[in-house]
Amino acid sequence: MMCVICRQSETEPGTTTVTLTRNKLTFVVRDVPARVCPNCGEAYIEEEAATRLLATAEQLAQSGAQVDVREYLAA
């Protein structure tokens, strides 16, 4: 897909780091599969991965966690 930010390059398979914050929770996940623009670095995460990350973040927020850092593990 063409990068919607810079409109200069096609995205390529890669990984990215996702940081989610909500109230006192900061949730960081490394090595998330994504399509990455080689020109500007913008990353586009697949819907399945985004859904999993948001569900995990919701569980962490409900548990009262404040900081969680982990690597992405494929289902």
PDB file of N, CA and C in Angstrom:
ATOM      1  N   MET A   1       0.839  -1.181   0.000  1.00  0.00           N
ATOM      2  CA  MET A   1       0.000   0.000   0.000  1.00  0.00           C
ATOM      3  C   MET A   1       0.883   1.243   0.000  1.00  0.00           C
ATOM      4  N   MET A   2       0.399   2.298  -0.575  1.00  0.00           N
ATOM      5  CA  MET A   2       1.129   3.560  -0.598  1.00  0.00           C
ATOM      6  C   MET A   2       1.001   4.229   0.768  1.00  0.00           C
ATOM      7  N   CYS A   3       2.091   4.764   1.282  1.00  0.00           N
ATOM      8  CA  CYS A   3       2.080   5.461   2.567  1.00  0.00           C
ATOM      9  C   CYS A   3       1.155   6.676   2.475  1.00  0.00           C
ATOM     10  N   VAL A   4       0.209   6.784   3.401  1.00  0.00           N
ATOM     11  CA  VAL A   4      -0.723   7.904   3.380  1.00  0.00           C
ATOM     12  C   VAL A   4      -0.133   9.165   4.008  1.00  0.00           C
ATOM     13  N   ILE A   5       0.999   9.041   4.679  1.00  0.00           N
ATOM     14  CA  ILE A   5       1.635  10.200   5.308  1.00  0.00           C
ATOM     15  C   ILE A   5       2.510  10.957   4.305  1.00  0.00           C
ATOM     16  N   CYS A   6       3.509  10.275   3.741  1.00  0.00           N
ATOM     17  CA  CYS A   6       4.428  10.969   2.833  1.00  0.00           C
ATOM     18  C   CYS A   6       4.046  10.811   1.360  1.00  0.00           C
ATOM     19  N   ARG A   7       3.260   9.793   1.052  1.00  0.00           N
ATOM     20  CA  ARG A   7       2.823   9.513  -0.318  1.00  0.00           C
ATOM     21  C   ARG A   7       3.988   9.343  -1.299  1.00  0.00           C
ATOM     22  N   GLN A   8       5.121   8.857  -0.777  1.00  0.00           N
ATOM     23  CA  GLN A   8       6.313   8.718  -1.607  1.00  0.00           C
ATOM     24  C   GLN A   8       6.724   7.274  -1.865  1.00  0.00           C
ATOM     25  N   SER A   9       6.290   6.343  -1.006  1.00  0.00           N
ATOM     26  CA  SER A   9       6.775   4.970  -1.108  1.00  0.00           C
ATOM     27  C   SER A   9       5.685   3.965  -0.778  1.00  0.00           C
ATOM     28  N   GLU A  10       5.879   2.757  -1.290  1.00  0.00           N
ATOM     29  CA  GLU A  10       5.041   1.622  -0.918  1.00  0.00           C
ATOM     30  C   GLU A  10       5.558   1.083   0.417  1.00  0.00           C
ATOM     31  N   THR A  11       4.647   0.697   1.286  1.00  0.00           N
ATOM     32  CA  THR A  11       5.063   0.127   2.571  1.00  0.00           C
ATOM     33  C   THR A  11       5.622  -1.271   2.361  1.00  0.00           C
ATOM     34  N   GLU A  12       6.462  -1.692   3.312  1.00  0.00           N
ATOM     35  CA  GLU A  12       7.108  -2.998   3.252  1.00  0.00           C
ATOM     36  C   GLU A  12       6.873  -3.723   4.579  1.00  0.00           C
ATOM     37  N   PRO A  13       6.903  -5.062   4.564  1.00  0.00           N
ATOM     38  CA  PRO A  13       6.753  -5.792   5.820  1.00  0.00           C
ATOM     39  C   PRO A  13       7.882  -5.440   6.793  1.00  0.00           C
ATOM     40  N   GLY A  14       7.534  -5.306   8.052  1.00  0.00           N
ATOM     41  CA  GLY A  14       8.524  -4.992   9.079  1.00  0.00           C
ATOM     42  C   GLY A  14       7.900  -5.099  10.452  1.00  0.00           C
ATOM     43  N   THR A  15       8.517  -4.442  11.413  1.00  0.00           N
ATOM     44  CA  THR A  15       7.988  -4.408  12.778  1.00  0.00           C
ATOM     45  C   THR A  15       8.075  -2.985  13.310  1.00  0.00           C
ATOM     46  N   THR A  16       7.339  -2.744  14.381  1.00  0.00           N
ATOM     47  CA  THR A  16       7.351  -1.435  15.021  1.00  0.00           C
ATOM     48  C   THR A  16       7.131  -1.605  16.520  1.00  0.00           C
ATOM     49  N   THR A  17       7.339  -0.546  17.249  1.00  0.00           N
ATOM     50  CA  THR A  17       7.038  -0.513  18.681  1.00  0.00           C
ATOM     51  C   THR A  17       5.763   0.299  18.870  1.00  0.00           C
ATOM     52  N   VAL A  18       4.840  -0.247  19.635  1.00  0.00           N
ATOM     53  CA  VAL A  18       3.565   0.423  19.902  1.00  0.00           C
ATOM     54  C   VAL A  18       3.542   0.836  21.363  1.00  0.00           C
ATOM     55  N   THR A  19       3.191   2.093  21.621  1.00  0.00           N
ATOM     56  CA  THR A  19       3.039   2.598  22.983  1.00  0.00           C
ATOM     57  C   THR A  19       1.604   3.080  23.154  1.00  0.00           C
ATOM     58  N   LEU A  20       0.922   2.504  24.124  1.00  0.00           N
ATOM     59  CA  LEU A  20      -0.450   2.898  24.435  1.00  0.00           C
ATOM     60  C   LEU A  20      -0.470   3.482  25.845  1.00  0.00           C
ATOM     61  N   THR A  21      -1.162   4.596  26.014  1.00  0.00           N
ATOM     62  CA  THR A  21      -1.302   5.191  27.342  1.00  0.00           C
ATOM     63  C   THR A  21      -2.779   5.426  27.630  1.00  0.00           C
ATOM     64  N   ARG A  22      -3.127   5.212  28.888  1.00  0.00           N
ATOM     65  CA  ARG A  22      -4.506   5.438  29.325  1.00  0.00           C
ATOM     66  C   ARG A  22      -4.458   5.695  30.820  1.00  0.00           C
ATOM     67  N   ASN A  23      -4.905   6.870  31.221  1.00  0.00           N
ATOM     68  CA  ASN A  23      -4.830   7.285  32.617  1.00  0.00           C
ATOM     69  C   ASN A  23      -3.405   7.054  33.135  1.00  0.00           C
ATOM     70  N   LYS A  24      -3.215   6.155  34.107  1.00  0.00           N
ATOM     71  CA  LYS A  24      -1.882   5.935  34.668  1.00  0.00           C
ATOM     72  C   LYS A  24      -1.130   4.789  34.000  1.00  0.00           C
ATOM     73  N   LEU A  25      -1.751   4.097  33.037  1.00  0.00           N
ATOM     74  CA  LEU A  25      -1.131   2.953  32.380  1.00  0.00           C
ATOM     75  C   LEU A  25      -0.316   3.374  31.159  1.00  0.00           C
ATOM     76  N   THR A  26       0.904   2.858  31.072  1.00  0.00           N
ATOM     77  CA  THR A  26       1.716   2.960  29.861  1.00  0.00           C
ATOM     78  C   THR A  26       2.065   1.531  29.463  1.00  0.00           C
ATOM     79  N   PHE A  27       1.651   1.142  28.261  1.00  0.00           N
ATOM     80  CA  PHE A  27       1.825  -0.216  27.754  1.00  0.00           C
ATOM     81  C   PHE A  27       2.667  -0.139  26.482  1.00  0.00           C
ATOM     82  N   VAL A  28       3.840  -0.765  26.505  1.00  0.00           N
ATOM     83  CA  VAL A  28       4.767  -0.733  25.372  1.00  0.00           C
ATOM     84  C   VAL A  28       4.952  -2.150  24.848  1.00  0.00           C
ATOM     85  N   VAL A  29       4.790  -2.320  23.540  1.00  0.00           N
ATOM     86  CA  VAL A  29       4.969  -3.630  22.913  1.00  0.00           C
ATOM     87  C   VAL A  29       5.953  -3.467  21.755  1.00  0.00           C
ATOM     88  N   ARG A  30       7.019  -4.262  21.812  1.00  0.00           N
ATOM     89  CA  ARG A  30       8.057  -4.210  20.782  1.00  0.00           C
ATOM     90  C   ARG A  30       7.836  -5.308  19.755  1.00  0.00           C
ATOM     91  N   ASP A  31       8.392  -5.103  18.573  1.00  0.00           N
ATOM     92  CA  ASP A  31       8.386  -6.092  17.486  1.00  0.00           C
ATOM     93  C   ASP A  31       6.982  -6.479  17.031  1.00  0.00           C
ATOM     94  N   VAL A  32       6.095  -5.485  16.950  1.00  0.00           N
ATOM     95  CA  VAL A  32       4.742  -5.716  16.446  1.00  0.00           C
ATOM     96  C   VAL A  32       4.798  -5.765  14.919  1.00  0.00           C
ATOM     97  N   PRO A  33       4.252  -6.813  14.282  1.00  0.00           N
ATOM     98  CA  PRO A  33       4.264  -6.882  12.825  1.00  0.00           C
ATOM     99  C   PRO A  33       3.503  -5.701  12.232  1.00  0.00           C
ATOM    100  N   ALA A  34       4.082  -5.119  11.188  1.00  0.00           N
ATOM    101  CA  ALA A  34       3.461  -3.945  10.579  1.00  0.00           C
ATOM    102  C   ALA A  34       3.943  -3.786   9.144  1.00  0.00           C
ATOM    103  N   ARG A  35       3.263  -2.938   8.420  1.00  0.00           N
ATOM    104  CA  ARG A  35       3.738  -2.484   7.115  1.00  0.00           C
ATOM    105  C   ARG A  35       4.408  -1.141   7.403  1.00  0.00           C
ATOM    106  N   VAL A  36       5.667  -0.976   6.986  1.00  0.00           N
ATOM    107  CA  VAL A  36       6.445   0.209   7.342  1.00  0.00           C
ATOM    108  C   VAL A  36       6.897   0.934   6.074  1.00  0.00           C
ATOM    109  N   CYS A  37       6.759   2.245   6.071  1.00  0.00           N
ATOM    110  CA  CYS A  37       7.200   3.057   4.940  1.00  0.00           C
ATOM    111  C   CYS A  37       8.719   3.231   5.012  1.00  0.00           C
ATOM    112  N   PRO A  38       9.442   2.844   3.971  1.00  0.00           N
ATOM    113  CA  PRO A  38      10.892   3.001   3.990  1.00  0.00           C
ATOM    114  C   PRO A  38      11.332   4.459   3.857  1.00  0.00           C
ATOM    115  N   ASN A  39      10.425   5.325   3.426  1.00  0.00           N
ATOM    116  CA  ASN A  39      10.763   6.738   3.252  1.00  0.00           C
ATOM    117  C   ASN A  39      10.629   7.535   4.549  1.00  0.00           C
ATOM    118  N   CYS A  40       9.473   7.442   5.205  1.00  0.00           N
ATOM    119  CA  CYS A  40       9.234   8.270   6.400  1.00  0.00           C
ATOM    120  C   CYS A  40       9.176   7.467   7.701  1.00  0.00           C
ATOM    121  N   GLY A  41       9.084   6.138   7.600  1.00  0.00           N
ATOM    122  CA  GLY A  41       9.062   5.304   8.796  1.00  0.00           C
ATOM    123  C   GLY A  41       7.693   5.075   9.405  1.00  0.00           C
ATOM    124  N   GLU A  42       6.651   5.640   8.815  1.00  0.00           N
ATOM    125  CA  GLU A  42       5.295   5.432   9.337  1.00  0.00           C
ATOM    126  C   GLU A  42       4.960   3.943   9.300  1.00  0.00           C
ATOM    127  N   ALA A  43       4.351   3.439  10.398  1.00  0.00           N
ATOM    128  CA  ALA A  43       4.024   2.023  10.491  1.00  0.00           C
ATOM    129  C   ALA A  43       2.515   1.837  10.546  1.00  0.00           C
ATOM    130  N   TYR A  44       2.046   0.823   9.842  1.00  0.00           N
ATOM    131  CA  TYR A  44       0.629   0.484   9.780  1.00  0.00           C
ATOM    132  C   TYR A  44       0.461  -0.926  10.331  1.00  0.00           C
ATOM    133  N   ILE A  45      -0.236  -1.051  11.446  1.00  0.00           N
ATOM    134  CA  ILE A  45      -0.403  -2.338  12.122  1.00  0.00           C
ATOM    135  C   ILE A  45      -1.642  -3.033  11.571  1.00  0.00           C
ATOM    136  N   GLU A  46      -1.536  -4.348  11.400  1.00  0.00           N
ATOM    137  CA  GLU A  46      -2.666  -5.143  10.932  1.00  0.00           C
ATOM    138  C   GLU A  46      -3.796  -5.102  11.967  1.00  0.00           C
ATOM    139  N   GLU A  47      -5.026  -5.228  11.503  1.00  0.00           N
ATOM    140  CA  GLU A  47      -6.194  -5.141  12.375  1.00  0.00           C
ATOM    141  C   GLU A  47      -6.160  -6.195  13.484  1.00  0.00           C
ATOM    142  N   GLU A  48      -5.767  -7.416  13.160  1.00  0.00           N
ATOM    143  CA  GLU A  48      -5.732  -8.482  14.162  1.00  0.00           C
ATOM    144  C   GLU A  48      -4.773  -8.144  15.303  1.00  0.00           C
ATOM    145  N   ALA A  49      -3.589  -7.640  14.959  1.00  0.00           N
ATOM    146  CA  ALA A  49      -2.604  -7.269  15.978  1.00  0.00           C
ATOM    147  C   ALA A  49      -3.127  -6.107  16.823  1.00  0.00           C
ATOM    148  N   ALA A  50      -3.737  -5.119  16.180  1.00  0.00           N
ATOM    149  CA  ALA A  50      -4.267  -3.966  16.914  1.00  0.00           C
ATOM    150  C   ALA A  50      -5.357  -4.398  17.887  1.00  0.00           C
ATOM    151  N   THR A  51      -6.218  -5.301  17.451  1.00  0.00           N
ATOM    152  CA  THR A  51      -7.292  -5.796  18.317  1.00  0.00           C
ATOM    153  C   THR A  51      -6.723  -6.510  19.538  1.00  0.00           C
ATOM    154  N   ARG A  52      -5.712  -7.341  19.330  1.00  0.00           N
ATOM    155  CA  ARG A  52      -5.074  -8.053  20.446  1.00  0.00           C
ATOM    156  C   ARG A  52      -4.411  -7.080  21.414  1.00  0.00           C
ATOM    157  N   LEU A  53      -3.714  -6.075  20.881  1.00  0.00           N
ATOM    158  CA  LEU A  53      -3.033  -5.102  21.743  1.00  0.00           C
ATOM    159  C   LEU A  53      -4.038  -4.317  22.586  1.00  0.00           C
ATOM    160  N   LEU A  54      -5.121  -3.890  21.972  1.00  0.00           N
ATOM    161  CA  LEU A  54      -6.127  -3.124  22.710  1.00  0.00           C
ATOM    162  C   LEU A  54      -6.801  -3.967  23.785  1.00  0.00           C
ATOM    163  N   ALA A  55      -7.059  -5.241  23.500  1.00  0.00           N
ATOM    164  CA  ALA A  55      -7.667  -6.124  24.502  1.00  0.00           C
ATOM    165  C   ALA A  55      -6.720  -6.328  25.682  1.00  0.00           C
ATOM    166  N   THR A  56      -5.436  -6.523  25.385  1.00  0.00           N
ATOM    167  CA  THR A  56      -4.453  -6.697  26.456  1.00  0.00           C
ATOM    168  C   THR A  56      -4.330  -5.419  27.279  1.00  0.00           C
ATOM    169  N   ALA A  57      -4.319  -4.271  26.612  1.00  0.00           N
ATOM    170  CA  ALA A  57      -4.234  -2.992  27.325  1.00  0.00           C
ATOM    171  C   ALA A  57      -5.435  -2.800  28.241  1.00  0.00           C
ATOM    172  N   GLU A  58      -6.606  -3.199  27.779  1.00  0.00           N
ATOM    173  CA  GLU A  58      -7.812  -3.086  28.602  1.00  0.00           C
ATOM    174  C   GLU A  58      -7.691  -3.946  29.853  1.00  0.00           C
ATOM    175  N   GLN A  59      -7.192  -5.178  29.708  1.00  0.00           N
ATOM    176  CA  GLN A  59      -6.996  -6.059  30.858  1.00  0.00           C
ATOM    177  C   GLN A  59      -6.003  -5.460  31.849  1.00  0.00           C
ATOM    178  N   LEU A  60      -4.918  -4.898  31.324  1.00  0.00           N
ATOM    179  CA  LEU A  60      -3.907  -4.287  32.191  1.00  0.00           C
ATOM    180  C   LEU A  60      -4.480  -3.086  32.938  1.00  0.00           C
ATOM    181  N   ALA A  61      -5.248  -2.261  32.239  1.00  0.00           N
ATOM    182  CA  ALA A  61      -5.842  -1.080  32.870  1.00  0.00           C
ATOM    183  C   ALA A  61      -6.787  -1.494  33.998  1.00  0.00           C
ATOM    184  N   GLN A  62      -7.559  -2.532  33.766  1.00  0.00           N
ATOM    185  CA  GLN A  62      -8.500  -3.001  34.789  1.00  0.00           C
ATOM    186  C   GLN A  62      -7.783  -3.628  35.984  1.00  0.00           C
ATOM    187  N   SER A  63      -6.581  -4.171  35.749  1.00  0.00           N
ATOM    188  CA  SER A  63      -5.830  -4.792  36.845  1.00  0.00           C
ATOM    189  C   SER A  63      -5.110  -3.767  37.713  1.00  0.00           C
ATOM    190  N   GLY A  64      -5.042  -2.533  37.230  1.00  0.00           N
ATOM    191  CA  GLY A  64      -4.367  -1.486  37.987  1.00  0.00           C
ATOM    192  C   GLY A  64      -2.887  -1.336  37.648  1.00  0.00           C
ATOM    193  N   ALA A  65      -2.412  -2.034  36.629  1.00  0.00           N
ATOM    194  CA  ALA A  65      -1.006  -1.917  36.223  1.00  0.00           C
ATOM    195  C   ALA A  65      -0.707  -0.480  35.798  1.00  0.00           C
ATOM    196  N   GLN A  66       0.529  -0.058  36.034  1.00  0.00           N
ATOM    197  CA  GLN A  66       0.917   1.281  35.620  1.00  0.00           C
ATOM    198  C   GLN A  66       1.877   1.262  34.429  1.00  0.00           C
ATOM    199  N   VAL A  67       2.783   0.281  34.401  1.00  0.00           N
ATOM    200  CA  VAL A  67       3.743   0.177  33.299  1.00  0.00           C
ATOM    201  C   VAL A  67       3.899  -1.295  32.937  1.00  0.00           C
ATOM    202  N   ASP A  68       3.852  -1.582  31.644  1.00  0.00           N
ATOM    203  CA  ASP A  68       4.071  -2.944  31.169  1.00  0.00           C
ATOM    204  C   ASP A  68       4.808  -2.847  29.841  1.00  0.00           C
ATOM    205  N   VAL A  69       5.941  -3.549  29.746  1.00  0.00           N
ATOM    206  CA  VAL A  69       6.737  -3.564  28.520  1.00  0.00           C
ATOM    207  C   VAL A  69       6.926  -5.023  28.127  1.00  0.00           C
ATOM    208  N   ARG A  70       6.618  -5.353  26.875  1.00  0.00           N
ATOM    209  CA  ARG A  70       6.769  -6.747  26.423  1.00  0.00           C
ATOM    210  C   ARG A  70       7.027  -6.815  24.928  1.00  0.00           C
ATOM    211  N   GLU A  71       7.414  -8.006  24.458  1.00  0.00           N
ATOM    212  CA  GLU A  71       7.570  -8.259  23.038  1.00  0.00           C
ATOM    213  C   GLU A  71       6.293  -8.879  22.517  1.00  0.00           C
ATOM    214  N   TYR A  72       5.980  -8.562  21.282  1.00  0.00           N
ATOM    215  CA  TYR A  72       4.789  -9.117  20.641  1.00  0.00           C
ATOM    216  C   TYR A  72       5.026 -10.595  20.359  1.00  0.00           C
ATOM    217  N   LEU A  73       4.049 -11.414  20.719  1.00  0.00           N
ATOM    218  CA  LEU A  73       4.113 -12.847  20.414  1.00  0.00           C
ATOM    219  C   LEU A  73       2.940 -13.170  19.498  1.00  0.00           C
ATOM    220  N   ALA A  74       3.237 -13.762  18.350  1.00  0.00           N
ATOM    221  CA  ALA A  74       2.191 -14.129  17.416  1.00  0.00           C
ATOM    222  C   ALA A  74       1.282 -15.174  18.043  1.00  0.00           C
ATOM    223  N   ALA A  75       0.005 -15.097  17.703  1.00  0.00           N
ATOM    224  CA  ALA A  75      -0.977 -16.035  18.274  1.00  0.00           C
ATOM    225  C   ALA A  75      -0.763 -17.443  17.787  1.00  0.00           C
TER     226      ALA A  75
END
